[in-house]
């Protein structure tokens, strides 16, 4: 009886402090927005790193993209992903541009070697923060990136995009990490795609 009481006490403490045996992982498979910017047929080259990772072929290490912490205390856990921030944004851009009507090529060629519109990412960051109390959870996600657009070997545009999303919900509800990250990615990519489509039309000589 005494051992059962001790076990119940420890269980109660775990609930109050926000401890969980469930790993905080976000292996998001991005879903394109239903109202993507519509472009015209054409090709865009997306510069990618050597290993373009996805959840079906995870790397041997995981990327730390955030933290879980108590509102009145320290960090409880790390939030990790099998997909790097750059790969997540690359994948989101590819899906949105394909939905807008473009064919995409990927690789490691320099912009001087590509005739079509050339797209390259820099300074990509994803930051996810989950704050817990004994009764609620607040999850925040921020996505930042710099997009370079090249045409004919010349830099045509360089723009930074930032977006964030936040949601609070009761602790007894399922964790909302994928939903919040999806919304933040939608915000950042949703800003970039119209600019890319606009320049692609100009490059193609279309209104």
Protein backbone atom coordinates (compact mmCIF):
# COMPACT_ATOMS: atom_id res chain seq x y z
CA UNK A 1 0.00 0.00 0.00
CA UNK A 2 2.83 2.37 0.90
CA UNK A 3 4.60 1.69 -2.44
CA UNK A 4 1.39 2.47 -4.34
CA UNK A 5 1.03 5.76 -2.47
CA UNK A 6 4.62 6.75 -3.29
CA UNK A 7 4.07 5.87 -6.94
CA UNK A 8 0.94 8.03 -7.06
CA UNK A 9 2.83 10.94 -5.48
CA UNK A 10 5.58 10.73 -8.12
CA UNK A 11 2.96 10.50 -10.87
CA UNK A 12 1.27 13.64 -9.55
CA UNK A 13 4.57 15.50 -9.44
CA UNK A 14 5.33 14.52 -13.04
CA UNK A 15 1.98 15.89 -14.19
CA UNK A 16 2.42 19.16 -12.28
CA UNK A 17 5.94 19.78 -13.52
CA UNK A 18 5.10 18.97 -17.14
CA UNK A 19 7.43 15.98 -17.46
CA UNK A 20 6.53 13.57 -20.20
CA UNK A 21 7.89 10.28 -21.51
CA UNK A 22 6.80 11.27 -25.02
CA UNK A 23 9.74 12.64 -27.08
CA UNK A 24 9.16 16.13 -28.45
CA UNK A 25 9.78 15.53 -32.15
CA UNK A 26 8.36 17.35 -35.15
CA UNK A 27 8.74 15.41 -38.39
CA UNK A 28 6.46 17.69 -40.35
CA UNK A 29 5.27 16.77 -43.82
CA UNK A 30 4.29 20.21 -45.13
CA UNK A 31 0.85 20.59 -46.65
CA UNK A 32 0.56 23.28 -49.37
CA UNK A 33 -1.97 26.05 -48.89
CA UNK A 34 -5.26 25.71 -50.71
CA UNK A 35 -4.99 29.26 -52.11
CA UNK A 36 -1.47 29.32 -53.47
CA UNK A 37 -0.45 32.19 -55.74
CA UNK A 38 -1.15 31.22 -59.34
CA UNK A 39 1.67 31.79 -61.79
CA UNK A 40 2.22 30.48 -65.28
CA UNK A 41 4.00 27.50 -66.74
CA UNK A 42 7.77 27.68 -66.60
CA UNK A 43 10.83 26.38 -64.80
CA UNK A 44 12.54 27.50 -61.60
CA UNK A 45 15.85 26.21 -60.31
CA UNK A 46 16.00 25.71 -56.53
CA UNK A 47 19.51 25.44 -55.12
CA UNK A 48 19.66 22.64 -52.54
CA UNK A 49 22.37 21.27 -50.24
CA UNK A 50 24.03 17.93 -50.93
CA UNK A 51 21.59 15.95 -48.80
CA UNK A 52 17.97 16.90 -49.20
CA UNK A 53 16.48 15.04 -46.24
CA UNK A 54 12.91 14.04 -45.56
CA UNK A 55 11.01 12.07 -42.95
CA UNK A 56 11.12 8.91 -45.12
CA UNK A 57 14.92 8.99 -45.23
CA UNK A 58 16.01 10.57 -41.91
CA UNK A 59 19.66 11.39 -41.22
CA UNK A 60 21.49 9.74 -38.33
CA UNK A 61 21.22 12.92 -36.24
CA UNK A 62 18.29 15.10 -35.27
CA UNK A 63 18.11 18.87 -35.49
CA UNK A 64 17.28 20.80 -32.33
CA UNK A 65 14.68 23.39 -33.36
CA UNK A 66 13.30 24.45 -29.98
CA UNK A 67 12.65 23.74 -26.34
CA UNK A 68 9.94 22.74 -23.88
CA UNK A 69 9.99 24.69 -20.63
CA UNK A 70 7.93 25.46 -17.57
CA UNK A 71 6.54 28.96 -17.28
CA UNK A 72 8.06 29.35 -13.82
CA UNK A 73 11.01 27.02 -14.24
CA UNK A 74 13.76 25.78 -16.49
CA UNK A 75 13.94 23.77 -19.67
CA UNK A 76 12.31 20.36 -19.57
CA UNK A 77 13.20 18.98 -22.98
CA UNK A 78 14.44 19.78 -26.48
CA UNK A 79 12.22 19.84 -29.55
CA UNK A 80 13.92 18.01 -32.39
CA UNK A 81 13.31 17.11 -36.02
CA UNK A 82 14.81 14.65 -38.48
CA UNK A 83 14.50 17.39 -41.12
CA UNK A 84 16.81 20.41 -41.09
CA UNK A 85 15.23 23.90 -41.10
CA UNK A 86 16.57 24.58 -44.59
CA UNK A 87 15.16 21.31 -45.93
CA UNK A 88 11.76 22.04 -44.37
CA UNK A 89 11.59 25.46 -46.03
CA UNK A 90 12.92 24.05 -49.33
CA UNK A 91 10.20 21.42 -49.31
CA UNK A 92 7.49 23.97 -48.53
CA UNK A 93 8.68 26.28 -51.32
CA UNK A 94 8.82 23.41 -53.81
CA UNK A 95 5.26 22.34 -53.06
CA UNK A 96 3.85 25.86 -53.22
CA UNK A 97 5.65 26.73 -56.47
CA UNK A 98 4.59 23.46 -58.07
CA UNK A 99 1.01 24.19 -57.06
CA UNK A 100 1.39 27.66 -58.59
CA UNK A 101 2.16 25.97 -61.91
CA UNK A 102 5.95 25.78 -62.11
CA UNK A 103 8.31 22.91 -62.80
CA UNK A 104 11.25 22.85 -60.41
CA UNK A 105 14.80 21.61 -60.86
CA UNK A 106 17.09 21.16 -57.88
CA UNK A 107 20.82 20.80 -57.47
CA UNK A 108 24.05 22.53 -56.52
CA UNK A 109 24.84 24.49 -59.67
CA UNK A 110 26.00 28.11 -59.24
CA UNK A 111 23.58 30.78 -60.49
CA UNK A 112 25.85 31.64 -63.41
CA UNK A 113 25.28 28.15 -64.85
CA UNK A 114 21.47 28.29 -64.87
CA UNK A 115 19.32 29.95 -67.52
CA UNK A 116 15.96 29.79 -65.70
CA UNK A 117 15.06 31.79 -62.60
CA UNK A 118 17.43 30.68 -59.84
CA UNK A 119 16.29 30.55 -56.20
CA UNK A 120 18.65 30.15 -53.25
CA UNK A 121 18.02 30.25 -49.49
CA UNK A 122 20.24 31.73 -46.79
CA UNK A 123 19.99 32.17 -43.01
CA UNK A 124 17.07 29.79 -42.55
CA UNK A 125 15.98 29.42 -38.93
CA UNK A 126 13.09 27.66 -37.24
CA UNK A 127 12.51 28.32 -33.55
CA UNK A 128 9.79 26.49 -31.63
CA UNK A 129 9.00 27.22 -28.00
CA UNK A 130 6.54 25.27 -25.87
CA UNK A 131 5.67 26.76 -22.47
CA UNK A 132 3.79 24.61 -19.98
CA UNK A 133 1.84 25.23 -16.81
CA UNK A 134 -0.10 22.72 -14.76
CA UNK A 135 -3.26 23.50 -16.74
CA UNK A 136 -2.25 24.78 -20.20
CA UNK A 137 0.35 24.75 -22.97
CA UNK A 138 1.39 27.65 -25.20
CA UNK A 139 3.28 26.74 -28.37
CA UNK A 140 5.04 29.34 -30.54
CA UNK A 141 6.89 28.88 -33.82
CA UNK A 142 8.96 31.39 -35.80
CA UNK A 143 10.39 30.92 -39.29
CA UNK A 144 12.96 33.25 -40.85
CA UNK A 145 14.75 33.04 -44.16
CA UNK A 146 16.55 35.08 -46.78
CA UNK A 147 15.66 34.37 -50.41
CA UNK A 148 17.96 35.23 -53.31
CA UNK A 149 16.55 35.34 -56.84
CA UNK A 150 18.99 35.28 -59.75
CA UNK A 151 18.29 35.74 -63.44
CA UNK A 152 20.86 35.34 -66.19
CA UNK A 153 23.67 35.01 -63.68
CA UNK A 154 22.78 38.34 -62.03
CA UNK A 155 21.29 38.84 -58.57
CA UNK A 156 17.81 40.27 -59.19
CA UNK A 157 16.41 40.36 -55.67
CA UNK A 158 17.33 39.51 -52.09
CA UNK A 159 14.58 39.60 -49.47
CA UNK A 160 14.14 38.46 -45.87
CA UNK A 161 10.89 36.88 -44.74
CA UNK A 162 9.72 36.31 -41.17
CA UNK A 163 6.56 34.73 -39.84
CA UNK A 164 5.29 33.32 -36.57
CA UNK A 165 2.30 31.56 -35.11
CA UNK A 166 1.13 30.89 -31.56
CA UNK A 167 -1.55 28.72 -30.02
CA UNK A 168 -2.61 28.01 -26.42
CA UNK A 169 -4.60 24.95 -25.42
CA UNK A 170 -5.44 22.79 -22.36
CA UNK A 171 -2.85 20.26 -21.26
CA UNK A 172 -5.24 17.35 -21.78
CA UNK A 173 -5.37 18.09 -25.53
CA UNK A 174 -3.00 16.51 -28.07
CA UNK A 175 0.25 18.38 -28.61
CA UNK A 176 -0.03 21.03 -31.34
CA UNK A 177 3.63 21.25 -32.42
CA UNK A 178 3.05 20.15 -36.05
CA UNK A 179 0.03 22.44 -36.46
CA UNK A 180 1.85 25.50 -35.12
CA UNK A 181 4.96 24.86 -37.21
CA UNK A 182 2.83 24.31 -40.34
CA UNK A 183 1.15 27.69 -39.78
CA UNK A 184 4.48 29.48 -39.30
CA UNK A 185 5.88 27.91 -42.47
CA UNK A 186 2.72 28.88 -44.37
CA UNK A 187 3.23 32.48 -43.23
CA UNK A 188 6.86 32.74 -44.36
CA UNK A 189 6.46 30.82 -47.61
CA UNK A 190 3.19 32.63 -48.33
CA UNK A 191 5.11 35.93 -48.32
CA UNK A 192 7.89 34.63 -50.57
CA UNK A 193 5.90 32.82 -53.27
CA UNK A 194 4.10 35.89 -54.75
CA UNK A 195 7.46 37.67 -55.07
CA UNK A 196 9.00 34.64 -56.80
CA UNK A 197 6.03 34.25 -59.14
CA UNK A 198 6.12 37.96 -60.01
CA UNK A 199 9.81 37.86 -60.93
CA UNK A 200 9.37 34.58 -62.82
CA UNK A 201 6.69 36.24 -64.99
CA UNK A 202 8.97 39.21 -65.68
CA UNK A 203 11.84 36.88 -66.56
CA UNK A 204 9.55 35.00 -68.96
CA UNK A 205 8.32 38.26 -70.53
CA UNK A 206 4.77 37.74 -69.34
CA UNK A 207 2.48 40.33 -67.70
